[in-house]
Amino acid sequence: MSRRSRAREVALQSLYQVELNAVDPRDRARFHKGRLKSVELVAFADTLVDGVRDHQVEIDSLLDARSTNWRLSRMAATDRAVLRIAAFELLHTDTPGPVVVDEAIELARRYGSQDSPTFVAGILGAILDDRGGRSRPAAG
C-alpha cells in the first residue's frame, strides 16, 4: 500500500468514526498522528477529512444525483465515506481522476461488501464521465 493510500485509509476510518460518534478534533489529530507518523501524510489525511466535512452538502448532492436507486442515507456507512473522499478529491484536488477512482475502489474492496467495489466504480465513473468523458477504471 502506498503512503498516500494509507492516508486515505486513515481518513476513511476518521470519517466513519465521525459519522457514528462525535469525535473531538484533538482525538482525530492523535488518531492520524499515531497511524501515519509522517507530517506530510497526517496533513493529507486532515485535508481529506476537513475537505469532506467543509464541502459535504455539495459532495452529497453530487453523489445523490449519480447514484441510481440508492439515496446516500441508505448506503453503507463505509461506501458513503469512500465516495465522499473520492468526490472531494475529484472536485477539489489535482489528483488525476482515474487514480482517485482506483484508490476508492481499493478502499471499497477492503472495507465494504462484496458489491462495494462495483457500486463505487459505477458512481465515480459517472462523475468522471460528467467531468470530461475520462475512461472508467475497472472494479474487478
N, C-alpha and C. Protein backbone atom coordinates (compact mmCIF):
# COMPACT_ATOMS: atom_id res chain seq x y z
N MET A 1 0.85 -1.17 0.00
CA MET A 1 0.00 0.00 0.00
C MET A 1 0.90 1.24 0.00
N SER A 2 0.61 2.18 -0.89
CA SER A 2 1.41 3.40 -0.95
C SER A 2 1.13 4.26 0.28
N ARG A 3 1.98 5.21 0.49
CA ARG A 3 1.84 6.08 1.66
C ARG A 3 0.55 6.90 1.58
N ARG A 4 0.26 7.46 0.41
CA ARG A 4 -0.97 8.25 0.28
C ARG A 4 -2.21 7.34 0.37
N SER A 5 -2.09 6.11 -0.08
CA SER A 5 -3.20 5.15 0.07
C SER A 5 -3.47 4.93 1.55
N ARG A 6 -2.41 4.80 2.32
CA ARG A 6 -2.57 4.62 3.76
C ARG A 6 -3.24 5.84 4.39
N ALA A 7 -2.88 7.04 3.94
CA ALA A 7 -3.51 8.26 4.46
C ALA A 7 -5.00 8.29 4.10
N ARG A 8 -5.35 7.83 2.90
CA ARG A 8 -6.77 7.75 2.53
C ARG A 8 -7.50 6.76 3.44
N GLU A 9 -6.85 5.65 3.74
CA GLU A 9 -7.45 4.66 4.61
C GLU A 9 -7.71 5.24 6.01
N VAL A 10 -6.76 5.99 6.53
CA VAL A 10 -6.93 6.61 7.84
C VAL A 10 -8.03 7.68 7.78
N ALA A 11 -8.10 8.42 6.70
CA ALA A 11 -9.18 9.41 6.52
C ALA A 11 -10.54 8.70 6.50
N LEU A 12 -10.62 7.58 5.81
CA LEU A 12 -11.86 6.79 5.79
C LEU A 12 -12.25 6.37 7.20
N GLN A 13 -11.30 5.89 7.97
CA GLN A 13 -11.58 5.48 9.34
C GLN A 13 -12.05 6.66 10.18
N SER A 14 -11.45 7.82 9.98
CA SER A 14 -11.86 9.03 10.71
C SER A 14 -13.28 9.44 10.36
N LEU A 15 -13.59 9.46 9.07
CA LEU A 15 -14.94 9.85 8.66
C LEU A 15 -15.98 8.86 9.18
N TYR A 16 -15.64 7.60 9.20
CA TYR A 16 -16.53 6.58 9.74
C TYR A 16 -16.77 6.84 11.23
N GLN A 17 -15.71 7.13 11.96
CA GLN A 17 -15.85 7.44 13.38
C GLN A 17 -16.71 8.67 13.61
N VAL A 18 -16.49 9.71 12.82
CA VAL A 18 -17.25 10.95 12.96
C VAL A 18 -18.73 10.69 12.70
N GLU A 19 -19.02 9.85 11.72
CA GLU A 19 -20.42 9.58 11.39
C GLU A 19 -21.13 8.82 12.51
N LEU A 20 -20.42 7.95 13.18
CA LEU A 20 -21.05 7.14 14.22
C LEU A 20 -21.03 7.79 15.59
N ASN A 21 -20.04 8.63 15.86
CA ASN A 21 -19.88 9.26 17.18
C ASN A 21 -19.31 10.66 17.01
N ALA A 22 -19.61 11.50 17.97
CA ALA A 22 -18.97 12.81 17.99
C ALA A 22 -17.50 12.59 18.34
N VAL A 23 -16.61 13.16 17.53
CA VAL A 23 -15.18 12.97 17.75
C VAL A 23 -14.55 14.32 18.02
N ASP A 24 -13.86 14.42 19.11
CA ASP A 24 -13.12 15.63 19.47
C ASP A 24 -11.99 15.80 18.46
N PRO A 25 -11.81 17.00 17.91
CA PRO A 25 -10.72 17.20 16.93
C PRO A 25 -9.34 16.81 17.46
N ARG A 26 -9.13 16.95 18.77
CA ARG A 26 -7.84 16.53 19.33
C ARG A 26 -7.67 15.02 19.24
N ASP A 27 -8.78 14.29 19.41
CA ASP A 27 -8.72 12.84 19.27
C ASP A 27 -8.39 12.45 17.84
N ARG A 28 -8.99 13.16 16.89
CA ARG A 28 -8.70 12.87 15.48
C ARG A 28 -7.24 13.14 15.18
N ALA A 29 -6.70 14.23 15.71
CA ALA A 29 -5.29 14.55 15.48
C ALA A 29 -4.39 13.45 16.03
N ARG A 30 -4.68 12.97 17.22
CA ARG A 30 -3.90 11.87 17.81
C ARG A 30 -4.05 10.60 16.97
N PHE A 31 -5.26 10.34 16.50
CA PHE A 31 -5.53 9.17 15.68
C PHE A 31 -4.68 9.21 14.41
N HIS A 32 -4.71 10.34 13.71
CA HIS A 32 -3.95 10.48 12.46
C HIS A 32 -2.45 10.36 12.72
N LYS A 33 -1.95 11.07 13.73
CA LYS A 33 -0.52 11.05 14.02
C LYS A 33 -0.06 9.66 14.45
N GLY A 34 -0.87 8.98 15.21
CA GLY A 34 -0.50 7.65 15.68
C GLY A 34 -0.45 6.62 14.58
N ARG A 35 -1.23 6.80 13.54
CA ARG A 35 -1.27 5.81 12.47
C ARG A 35 -0.39 6.16 11.28
N LEU A 36 -0.10 7.43 11.12
CA LEU A 36 0.63 7.82 9.90
C LEU A 36 2.06 8.24 10.15
N LYS A 37 2.37 8.76 11.30
CA LYS A 37 3.73 9.12 11.71
C LYS A 37 4.35 10.26 10.89
N SER A 38 4.13 10.30 9.60
CA SER A 38 4.70 11.34 8.74
C SER A 38 3.82 12.59 8.76
N VAL A 39 4.46 13.74 8.97
CA VAL A 39 3.74 15.01 8.99
C VAL A 39 3.00 15.24 7.67
N GLU A 40 3.65 14.89 6.57
CA GLU A 40 3.05 15.07 5.24
C GLU A 40 1.78 14.23 5.09
N LEU A 41 1.82 13.00 5.55
CA LEU A 41 0.65 12.12 5.42
C LEU A 41 -0.47 12.51 6.38
N VAL A 42 -0.10 12.96 7.58
CA VAL A 42 -1.11 13.46 8.52
C VAL A 42 -1.82 14.65 7.89
N ALA A 43 -1.07 15.54 7.29
CA ALA A 43 -1.66 16.72 6.63
C ALA A 43 -2.59 16.31 5.50
N PHE A 44 -2.20 15.30 4.72
CA PHE A 44 -3.04 14.82 3.63
C PHE A 44 -4.35 14.22 4.17
N ALA A 45 -4.25 13.39 5.19
CA ALA A 45 -5.46 12.80 5.79
C ALA A 45 -6.35 13.90 6.37
N ASP A 46 -5.74 14.89 7.04
CA ASP A 46 -6.51 16.01 7.58
C ASP A 46 -7.21 16.78 6.47
N THR A 47 -6.52 16.99 5.36
CA THR A 47 -7.11 17.70 4.22
C THR A 47 -8.32 16.95 3.69
N LEU A 48 -8.22 15.64 3.58
CA LEU A 48 -9.34 14.85 3.09
C LEU A 48 -10.54 14.92 4.04
N VAL A 49 -10.30 14.73 5.31
CA VAL A 49 -11.40 14.75 6.28
C VAL A 49 -12.02 16.14 6.36
N ASP A 50 -11.18 17.16 6.49
CA ASP A 50 -11.69 18.53 6.57
C ASP A 50 -12.41 18.93 5.28
N GLY A 51 -11.85 18.51 4.14
CA GLY A 51 -12.47 18.84 2.85
C GLY A 51 -13.83 18.21 2.70
N VAL A 52 -13.95 16.95 3.09
CA VAL A 52 -15.25 16.29 3.02
C VAL A 52 -16.24 17.01 3.93
N ARG A 53 -15.82 17.32 5.12
CA ARG A 53 -16.74 17.97 6.07
C ARG A 53 -17.11 19.38 5.60
N ASP A 54 -16.15 20.14 5.07
CA ASP A 54 -16.42 21.50 4.61
C ASP A 54 -17.30 21.55 3.36
N HIS A 55 -17.21 20.53 2.52
CA HIS A 55 -17.95 20.51 1.24
C HIS A 55 -19.01 19.42 1.21
N GLN A 56 -19.44 18.95 2.36
CA GLN A 56 -20.31 17.79 2.41
C GLN A 56 -21.65 18.01 1.71
N VAL A 57 -22.22 19.17 1.80
CA VAL A 57 -23.50 19.43 1.13
C VAL A 57 -23.33 19.28 -0.38
N GLU A 58 -22.29 19.90 -0.94
CA GLU A 58 -22.00 19.81 -2.38
C GLU A 58 -21.71 18.36 -2.78
N ILE A 59 -20.87 17.69 -2.01
CA ILE A 59 -20.48 16.32 -2.32
C ILE A 59 -21.68 15.39 -2.26
N ASP A 60 -22.47 15.51 -1.20
CA ASP A 60 -23.63 14.63 -1.05
C ASP A 60 -24.65 14.85 -2.16
N SER A 61 -24.82 16.08 -2.57
CA SER A 61 -25.73 16.38 -3.67
C SER A 61 -25.26 15.72 -4.96
N LEU A 62 -23.97 15.81 -5.22
CA LEU A 62 -23.39 15.18 -6.41
C LEU A 62 -23.56 13.66 -6.36
N LEU A 63 -23.26 13.07 -5.23
CA LEU A 63 -23.37 11.61 -5.09
C LEU A 63 -24.82 11.15 -5.21
N ASP A 64 -25.74 11.89 -4.60
CA ASP A 64 -27.16 11.54 -4.73
C ASP A 64 -27.62 11.57 -6.18
N ALA A 65 -27.13 12.57 -6.92
CA ALA A 65 -27.53 12.72 -8.32
C ALA A 65 -26.97 11.59 -9.20
N ARG A 66 -25.84 11.01 -8.82
CA ARG A 66 -25.20 9.99 -9.64
C ARG A 66 -25.52 8.56 -9.22
N SER A 67 -26.14 8.40 -8.08
CA SER A 67 -26.45 7.04 -7.61
C SER A 67 -27.90 6.71 -7.93
N THR A 68 -28.09 5.80 -8.83
CA THR A 68 -29.43 5.41 -9.21
C THR A 68 -29.94 4.35 -8.23
N ASN A 69 -31.17 4.50 -7.82
CA ASN A 69 -31.85 3.56 -6.93
C ASN A 69 -31.31 3.55 -5.50
N TRP A 70 -30.38 4.42 -5.15
CA TRP A 70 -29.85 4.47 -3.79
C TRP A 70 -29.72 5.91 -3.34
N ARG A 71 -30.42 6.24 -2.26
CA ARG A 71 -30.18 7.54 -1.63
C ARG A 71 -28.93 7.40 -0.77
N LEU A 72 -28.21 8.47 -0.63
CA LEU A 72 -26.98 8.46 0.15
C LEU A 72 -27.24 7.96 1.57
N SER A 73 -28.34 8.34 2.15
CA SER A 73 -28.65 7.94 3.53
C SER A 73 -28.85 6.43 3.67
N ARG A 74 -29.15 5.74 2.58
CA ARG A 74 -29.37 4.29 2.63
C ARG A 74 -28.13 3.47 2.31
N MET A 75 -27.07 4.14 1.89
CA MET A 75 -25.83 3.44 1.57
C MET A 75 -25.14 2.99 2.85
N ALA A 76 -24.33 1.96 2.74
CA ALA A 76 -23.49 1.55 3.86
C ALA A 76 -22.56 2.70 4.24
N ALA A 77 -22.34 2.87 5.52
CA ALA A 77 -21.51 3.98 6.00
C ALA A 77 -20.11 3.96 5.39
N THR A 78 -19.54 2.79 5.21
CA THR A 78 -18.21 2.72 4.62
C THR A 78 -18.22 3.15 3.15
N ASP A 79 -19.22 2.69 2.41
CA ASP A 79 -19.32 3.10 1.00
C ASP A 79 -19.51 4.61 0.90
N ARG A 80 -20.34 5.14 1.76
CA ARG A 80 -20.62 6.58 1.77
C ARG A 80 -19.33 7.36 2.05
N ALA A 81 -18.54 6.91 3.02
CA ALA A 81 -17.29 7.60 3.34
C ALA A 81 -16.29 7.51 2.19
N VAL A 82 -16.18 6.34 1.59
CA VAL A 82 -15.27 6.17 0.44
C VAL A 82 -15.68 7.11 -0.69
N LEU A 83 -16.96 7.15 -0.99
CA LEU A 83 -17.45 8.01 -2.07
C LEU A 83 -17.23 9.49 -1.76
N ARG A 84 -17.43 9.88 -0.52
CA ARG A 84 -17.22 11.28 -0.15
C ARG A 84 -15.75 11.69 -0.30
N ILE A 85 -14.85 10.83 0.14
CA ILE A 85 -13.42 11.14 0.00
C ILE A 85 -13.07 11.28 -1.48
N ALA A 86 -13.50 10.32 -2.27
CA ALA A 86 -13.18 10.35 -3.71
C ALA A 86 -13.81 11.57 -4.39
N ALA A 87 -15.05 11.88 -4.06
CA ALA A 87 -15.70 13.05 -4.67
C ALA A 87 -14.95 14.33 -4.29
N PHE A 88 -14.54 14.43 -3.04
CA PHE A 88 -13.75 15.60 -2.65
C PHE A 88 -12.47 15.69 -3.46
N GLU A 89 -11.77 14.59 -3.58
CA GLU A 89 -10.52 14.61 -4.36
C GLU A 89 -10.76 14.97 -5.81
N LEU A 90 -11.84 14.43 -6.40
CA LEU A 90 -12.14 14.74 -7.81
C LEU A 90 -12.46 16.22 -8.00
N LEU A 91 -13.19 16.79 -7.06
CA LEU A 91 -13.65 18.17 -7.20
C LEU A 91 -12.64 19.22 -6.75
N HIS A 92 -11.82 18.88 -5.77
CA HIS A 92 -11.04 19.93 -5.10
C HIS A 92 -9.54 19.68 -5.00
N THR A 93 -9.04 18.67 -5.70
CA THR A 93 -7.58 18.45 -5.69
C THR A 93 -7.12 18.24 -7.13
N ASP A 94 -5.82 18.17 -7.29
CA ASP A 94 -5.27 17.93 -8.63
C ASP A 94 -4.89 16.47 -8.86
N THR A 95 -5.33 15.58 -7.97
CA THR A 95 -5.07 14.16 -8.16
C THR A 95 -5.81 13.70 -9.41
N PRO A 96 -5.17 12.99 -10.32
CA PRO A 96 -5.84 12.54 -11.54
C PRO A 96 -7.07 11.68 -11.23
N GLY A 97 -8.13 11.92 -11.95
CA GLY A 97 -9.39 11.21 -11.72
C GLY A 97 -9.27 9.70 -11.67
N PRO A 98 -8.62 9.08 -12.65
CA PRO A 98 -8.50 7.62 -12.61
C PRO A 98 -7.77 7.11 -11.37
N VAL A 99 -6.80 7.87 -10.87
CA VAL A 99 -6.09 7.48 -9.65
C VAL A 99 -7.05 7.52 -8.47
N VAL A 100 -7.83 8.59 -8.38
CA VAL A 100 -8.80 8.73 -7.30
C VAL A 100 -9.78 7.55 -7.31
N VAL A 101 -10.29 7.23 -8.47
CA VAL A 101 -11.27 6.14 -8.58
C VAL A 101 -10.63 4.80 -8.24
N ASP A 102 -9.43 4.55 -8.73
CA ASP A 102 -8.75 3.29 -8.39
C ASP A 102 -8.54 3.17 -6.88
N GLU A 103 -8.13 4.26 -6.25
CA GLU A 103 -7.91 4.24 -4.79
C GLU A 103 -9.23 3.99 -4.06
N ALA A 104 -10.30 4.60 -4.52
CA ALA A 104 -11.61 4.41 -3.88
C ALA A 104 -12.08 2.97 -4.03
N ILE A 105 -11.88 2.41 -5.20
CA ILE A 105 -12.27 1.01 -5.42
C ILE A 105 -11.51 0.09 -4.48
N GLU A 106 -10.24 0.36 -4.30
CA GLU A 106 -9.43 -0.47 -3.39
C GLU A 106 -9.92 -0.34 -1.95
N LEU A 107 -10.25 0.88 -1.52
CA LEU A 107 -10.80 1.06 -0.17
C LEU A 107 -12.14 0.32 -0.04
N ALA A 108 -12.98 0.41 -1.06
CA ALA A 108 -14.27 -0.28 -1.04
C ALA A 108 -14.06 -1.79 -0.96
N ARG A 109 -13.07 -2.28 -1.65
CA ARG A 109 -12.75 -3.72 -1.63
C ARG A 109 -12.32 -4.15 -0.22
N ARG A 110 -11.53 -3.31 0.44
CA ARG A 110 -11.00 -3.66 1.77
C ARG A 110 -12.03 -3.49 2.88
N TYR A 111 -12.89 -2.48 2.76
CA TYR A 111 -13.78 -2.14 3.88
C TYR A 111 -15.26 -2.35 3.61
N GLY A 112 -15.64 -2.55 2.39
CA GLY A 112 -17.05 -2.68 2.06
C GLY A 112 -17.48 -4.12 1.87
N SER A 113 -18.63 -4.25 1.28
CA SER A 113 -19.19 -5.58 0.99
C SER A 113 -18.61 -6.09 -0.33
N GLN A 114 -19.04 -7.26 -0.71
CA GLN A 114 -18.60 -7.85 -1.98
C GLN A 114 -19.01 -6.97 -3.16
N ASP A 115 -20.15 -6.29 -3.05
CA ASP A 115 -20.65 -5.45 -4.13
C ASP A 115 -20.11 -4.02 -4.11
N SER A 116 -19.44 -3.65 -3.05
CA SER A 116 -18.99 -2.26 -2.89
C SER A 116 -18.06 -1.77 -4.00
N PRO A 117 -17.06 -2.54 -4.43
CA PRO A 117 -16.17 -2.02 -5.48
C PRO A 117 -16.91 -1.65 -6.77
N THR A 118 -17.84 -2.49 -7.18
CA THR A 118 -18.60 -2.21 -8.40
C THR A 118 -19.52 -1.00 -8.20
N PHE A 119 -20.15 -0.93 -7.05
CA PHE A 119 -21.03 0.19 -6.72
C PHE A 119 -20.25 1.51 -6.75
N VAL A 120 -19.11 1.55 -6.06
CA VAL A 120 -18.28 2.75 -6.01
C VAL A 120 -17.77 3.10 -7.40
N ALA A 121 -17.31 2.12 -8.15
CA ALA A 121 -16.81 2.37 -9.51
C ALA A 121 -17.90 2.97 -10.40
N GLY A 122 -19.11 2.48 -10.27
CA GLY A 122 -20.20 2.99 -11.10
C GLY A 122 -20.50 4.45 -10.84
N ILE A 123 -20.60 4.81 -9.57
CA ILE A 123 -20.91 6.20 -9.22
C ILE A 123 -19.76 7.12 -9.60
N LEU A 124 -18.55 6.74 -9.24
CA LEU A 124 -17.40 7.60 -9.55
C LEU A 124 -17.12 7.64 -11.05
N GLY A 125 -17.38 6.55 -11.74
CA GLY A 125 -17.24 6.56 -13.20
C GLY A 125 -18.19 7.55 -13.84
N ALA A 126 -19.42 7.62 -13.32
CA ALA A 126 -20.39 8.59 -13.84
C ALA A 126 -19.91 10.02 -13.59
N ILE A 127 -19.32 10.25 -12.43
CA ILE A 127 -18.79 11.59 -12.13
C ILE A 127 -17.63 11.91 -13.07
N LEU A 128 -16.75 10.95 -13.31
CA LEU A 128 -15.65 11.18 -14.25
C LEU A 128 -16.18 11.47 -15.65
N ASP A 129 -17.17 10.70 -16.07
CA ASP A 129 -17.77 10.94 -17.39
C ASP A 129 -18.31 12.36 -17.48
N ASP A 130 -18.98 12.81 -16.43
CA ASP A 130 -19.53 14.17 -16.40
C ASP A 130 -18.44 15.23 -16.49
N ARG A 131 -17.26 14.88 -16.00
CA ARG A 131 -16.17 15.85 -15.93
C ARG A 131 -15.26 15.82 -17.15
N GLY A 132 -15.68 15.17 -18.21
CA GLY A 132 -14.88 15.23 -19.41
C GLY A 132 -14.70 13.93 -20.14
N GLY A 133 -15.52 12.94 -19.81
CA GLY A 133 -15.50 11.71 -20.56
C GLY A 133 -14.26 10.85 -20.38
N ARG A 134 -13.58 10.99 -19.24
CA ARG A 134 -12.42 10.15 -18.99
C ARG A 134 -12.84 8.70 -18.86
N SER A 135 -11.95 7.80 -19.18
CA SER A 135 -12.30 6.38 -19.13
C SER A 135 -12.51 5.91 -17.70
N ARG A 136 -13.39 4.93 -17.54
CA ARG A 136 -13.70 4.36 -16.23
C ARG A 136 -12.70 3.28 -15.88
N PRO A 137 -12.20 3.31 -14.64
CA PRO A 137 -11.35 2.19 -14.20
C PRO A 137 -12.20 0.96 -13.96
N ALA A 138 -11.60 -0.20 -14.03
CA ALA A 138 -12.33 -1.45 -13.80
C ALA A 138 -12.46 -1.71 -12.30
N ALA A 139 -13.61 -2.24 -11.90
CA ALA A 139 -13.87 -2.52 -10.49
C ALA A 139 -13.35 -3.89 -10.08
N GLY A 140 -13.22 -4.80 -11.00
CA GLY A 140 -12.91 -6.18 -10.66
C GLY A 140 -11.49 -6.38 -10.42
